[in-house]
């Protein structure tokens, strides 16, 4: 039996109250995992930080001043 099948069997044996607790627990755990778009943005940010030619700002005000110009 696969792990997925085992998990489904366990979930099927739970009462509604147990299932609600299970969902709360795992929903919180899964929400902490970044999706592909977020991971790509994080990688891009890391690359920009390492790029000596990338424009960098010392404050949010400087960033917005550049954006507004």
N, C-alpha and C. Protein backbone atom coordinates (compact mmCIF):
# COMPACT_ATOMS: atom_id res chain seq x y z
N UNK A 1 0.85 -1.17 0.00
CA UNK A 1 0.00 0.00 0.00
C UNK A 1 0.90 1.24 0.00
N UNK A 2 0.58 2.22 -0.85
CA UNK A 2 1.39 3.44 -0.93
C UNK A 2 1.14 4.34 0.28
N UNK A 3 2.01 5.29 0.46
CA UNK A 3 1.85 6.25 1.56
C UNK A 3 0.55 7.04 1.39
N UNK A 4 0.23 7.40 0.14
CA UNK A 4 -0.99 8.16 -0.13
C UNK A 4 -2.22 7.33 0.25
N UNK A 5 -2.22 6.07 -0.13
CA UNK A 5 -3.34 5.18 0.20
C UNK A 5 -3.46 5.02 1.72
N UNK A 6 -2.35 4.89 2.39
CA UNK A 6 -2.36 4.77 3.86
C UNK A 6 -2.95 6.03 4.48
N UNK A 7 -2.53 7.20 3.98
CA UNK A 7 -3.05 8.47 4.51
C UNK A 7 -4.55 8.58 4.28
N UNK A 8 -5.02 8.20 3.10
CA UNK A 8 -6.45 8.25 2.80
C UNK A 8 -7.22 7.33 3.74
N UNK A 9 -6.69 6.14 3.97
CA UNK A 9 -7.34 5.20 4.90
C UNK A 9 -7.43 5.77 6.30
N UNK A 10 -6.37 6.42 6.76
CA UNK A 10 -6.37 7.01 8.10
C UNK A 10 -7.40 8.13 8.17
N UNK A 11 -7.42 8.99 7.17
CA UNK A 11 -8.39 10.10 7.15
C UNK A 11 -9.81 9.56 7.14
N UNK A 12 -10.04 8.51 6.39
CA UNK A 12 -11.40 7.93 6.32
C UNK A 12 -11.86 7.36 7.66
N UNK A 13 -10.93 7.01 8.53
CA UNK A 13 -11.29 6.45 9.84
C UNK A 13 -11.55 7.54 10.89
N UNK A 14 -11.21 8.79 10.58
CA UNK A 14 -11.34 9.88 11.56
C UNK A 14 -12.79 10.34 11.70
N UNK A 15 -13.10 10.76 12.92
CA UNK A 15 -14.40 11.40 13.16
C UNK A 15 -14.34 12.80 12.57
N UNK A 16 -15.48 13.46 12.45
CA UNK A 16 -15.50 14.83 11.92
C UNK A 16 -14.67 15.76 12.79
N UNK A 17 -14.71 15.57 14.09
CA UNK A 17 -13.94 16.40 15.02
C UNK A 17 -12.43 16.19 14.82
N UNK A 18 -12.03 14.94 14.71
CA UNK A 18 -10.63 14.63 14.46
C UNK A 18 -10.17 15.18 13.11
N UNK A 19 -11.02 15.05 12.11
CA UNK A 19 -10.69 15.54 10.78
C UNK A 19 -10.53 17.06 10.78
N UNK A 20 -11.38 17.77 11.52
CA UNK A 20 -11.27 19.23 11.61
C UNK A 20 -9.92 19.62 12.22
N UNK A 21 -9.49 18.93 13.27
CA UNK A 21 -8.19 19.19 13.88
C UNK A 21 -7.05 18.88 12.94
N UNK A 22 -7.17 17.78 12.23
CA UNK A 22 -6.16 17.37 11.25
C UNK A 22 -6.02 18.44 10.17
N UNK A 23 -7.15 18.92 9.65
CA UNK A 23 -7.12 19.94 8.60
C UNK A 23 -6.48 21.22 9.12
N UNK A 24 -6.84 21.64 10.32
CA UNK A 24 -6.23 22.86 10.90
C UNK A 24 -4.72 22.72 11.00
N UNK A 25 -4.26 21.61 11.49
CA UNK A 25 -2.83 21.38 11.66
C UNK A 25 -2.10 21.41 10.33
N UNK A 26 -2.57 20.64 9.37
CA UNK A 26 -1.85 20.53 8.11
C UNK A 26 -2.04 21.74 7.20
N UNK A 27 -3.17 22.42 7.32
CA UNK A 27 -3.39 23.63 6.54
C UNK A 27 -2.36 24.68 6.92
N UNK A 28 -2.08 24.80 8.21
CA UNK A 28 -1.07 25.75 8.69
C UNK A 28 0.32 25.36 8.21
N UNK A 29 0.63 24.07 8.24
CA UNK A 29 1.95 23.61 7.79
C UNK A 29 2.14 23.86 6.30
N UNK A 30 1.13 23.58 5.49
CA UNK A 30 1.23 23.73 4.05
C UNK A 30 1.27 25.20 3.66
N UNK A 31 0.60 26.07 4.40
CA UNK A 31 0.58 27.49 4.05
C UNK A 31 1.96 28.12 4.19
N UNK A 32 2.86 27.50 4.93
CA UNK A 32 4.21 28.02 5.11
C UNK A 32 5.14 27.64 3.97
N UNK A 33 4.69 26.81 3.06
CA UNK A 33 5.51 26.36 1.94
C UNK A 33 5.29 27.31 0.77
N UNK A 34 6.35 27.99 0.32
CA UNK A 34 6.17 28.93 -0.79
C UNK A 34 5.83 28.20 -2.10
N UNK A 35 4.95 28.84 -2.91
CA UNK A 35 4.61 28.26 -4.20
C UNK A 35 5.72 28.58 -5.21
N UNK A 36 5.57 28.08 -6.44
CA UNK A 36 6.62 28.24 -7.45
C UNK A 36 6.90 29.70 -7.78
N UNK A 37 5.85 30.51 -7.85
CA UNK A 37 6.02 31.93 -8.17
C UNK A 37 6.82 32.64 -7.08
N UNK A 38 6.51 32.33 -5.83
CA UNK A 38 7.23 32.93 -4.71
C UNK A 38 8.68 32.48 -4.70
N UNK A 39 8.91 31.19 -4.94
CA UNK A 39 10.28 30.68 -4.99
C UNK A 39 11.09 31.37 -6.09
N UNK A 40 10.46 31.57 -7.25
CA UNK A 40 11.15 32.25 -8.36
C UNK A 40 11.49 33.69 -7.97
N UNK A 41 10.57 34.37 -7.31
CA UNK A 41 10.82 35.75 -6.87
C UNK A 41 11.94 35.80 -5.85
N UNK A 42 11.99 34.82 -4.96
CA UNK A 42 13.05 34.77 -3.95
C UNK A 42 14.41 34.54 -4.63
N UNK A 43 14.45 33.66 -5.62
CA UNK A 43 15.70 33.41 -6.36
C UNK A 43 16.14 34.65 -7.12
N UNK A 44 15.18 35.36 -7.72
CA UNK A 44 15.51 36.59 -8.44
C UNK A 44 16.07 37.64 -7.47
N UNK A 45 15.47 37.76 -6.31
CA UNK A 45 15.96 38.73 -5.32
C UNK A 45 17.39 38.38 -4.88
N UNK A 46 17.66 37.11 -4.66
CA UNK A 46 19.01 36.68 -4.29
C UNK A 46 20.01 37.02 -5.40
N UNK A 47 19.62 36.78 -6.64
CA UNK A 47 20.49 37.08 -7.77
C UNK A 47 20.78 38.58 -7.86
N UNK A 48 19.75 39.40 -7.67
CA UNK A 48 19.93 40.85 -7.73
C UNK A 48 20.85 41.34 -6.61
N UNK A 49 20.73 40.74 -5.44
CA UNK A 49 21.59 41.14 -4.32
C UNK A 49 23.07 40.85 -4.62
N UNK A 50 23.31 39.79 -5.38
CA UNK A 50 24.69 39.40 -5.71
C UNK A 50 25.23 40.13 -6.94
N UNK A 51 24.34 40.77 -7.71
CA UNK A 51 24.73 41.43 -8.96
C UNK A 51 25.27 42.83 -8.66
N UNK A 52 26.56 43.06 -8.90
CA UNK A 52 27.14 44.37 -8.60
C UNK A 52 26.60 45.48 -9.51
N UNK A 53 26.00 45.13 -10.64
CA UNK A 53 25.46 46.12 -11.57
C UNK A 53 23.99 46.44 -11.34
N UNK A 54 23.34 45.72 -10.44
CA UNK A 54 21.93 45.95 -10.17
C UNK A 54 21.75 47.24 -9.38
N UNK A 55 20.69 47.97 -9.71
CA UNK A 55 20.38 49.20 -8.97
C UNK A 55 19.90 48.82 -7.58
N UNK A 56 20.49 49.48 -6.59
CA UNK A 56 20.12 49.22 -5.20
C UNK A 56 19.73 50.54 -4.54
N UNK A 57 18.82 50.47 -3.59
CA UNK A 57 18.34 51.65 -2.89
C UNK A 57 18.60 51.50 -1.40
N UNK A 58 18.93 52.61 -0.76
CA UNK A 58 19.22 52.57 0.67
C UNK A 58 17.97 52.76 1.52
N UNK A 59 16.85 53.17 0.87
CA UNK A 59 15.61 53.35 1.62
C UNK A 59 14.43 53.19 0.67
N UNK A 60 13.28 52.99 1.25
CA UNK A 60 12.05 52.89 0.47
C UNK A 60 11.77 54.24 -0.20
N UNK A 61 12.08 55.31 0.51
CA UNK A 61 11.87 56.64 -0.06
C UNK A 61 12.68 56.83 -1.34
N UNK A 62 13.93 56.36 -1.33
CA UNK A 62 14.77 56.45 -2.53
C UNK A 62 14.19 55.62 -3.67
N UNK A 63 13.69 54.46 -3.34
CA UNK A 63 13.07 53.60 -4.35
C UNK A 63 11.88 54.31 -4.99
N UNK A 64 10.99 54.86 -4.16
CA UNK A 64 9.81 55.53 -4.70
C UNK A 64 10.18 56.79 -5.47
N UNK A 65 11.20 57.50 -5.03
CA UNK A 65 11.66 58.69 -5.75
C UNK A 65 12.10 58.29 -7.15
N UNK A 66 12.81 57.18 -7.26
CA UNK A 66 13.25 56.68 -8.57
C UNK A 66 12.07 56.26 -9.42
N UNK A 67 11.10 55.59 -8.81
CA UNK A 67 9.93 55.14 -9.54
C UNK A 67 9.09 56.31 -10.06
N UNK A 68 9.04 57.38 -9.31
CA UNK A 68 8.22 58.53 -9.68
C UNK A 68 8.91 59.45 -10.68
N UNK A 69 10.21 59.26 -10.89
CA UNK A 69 10.93 60.16 -11.81
C UNK A 69 10.81 59.73 -13.25
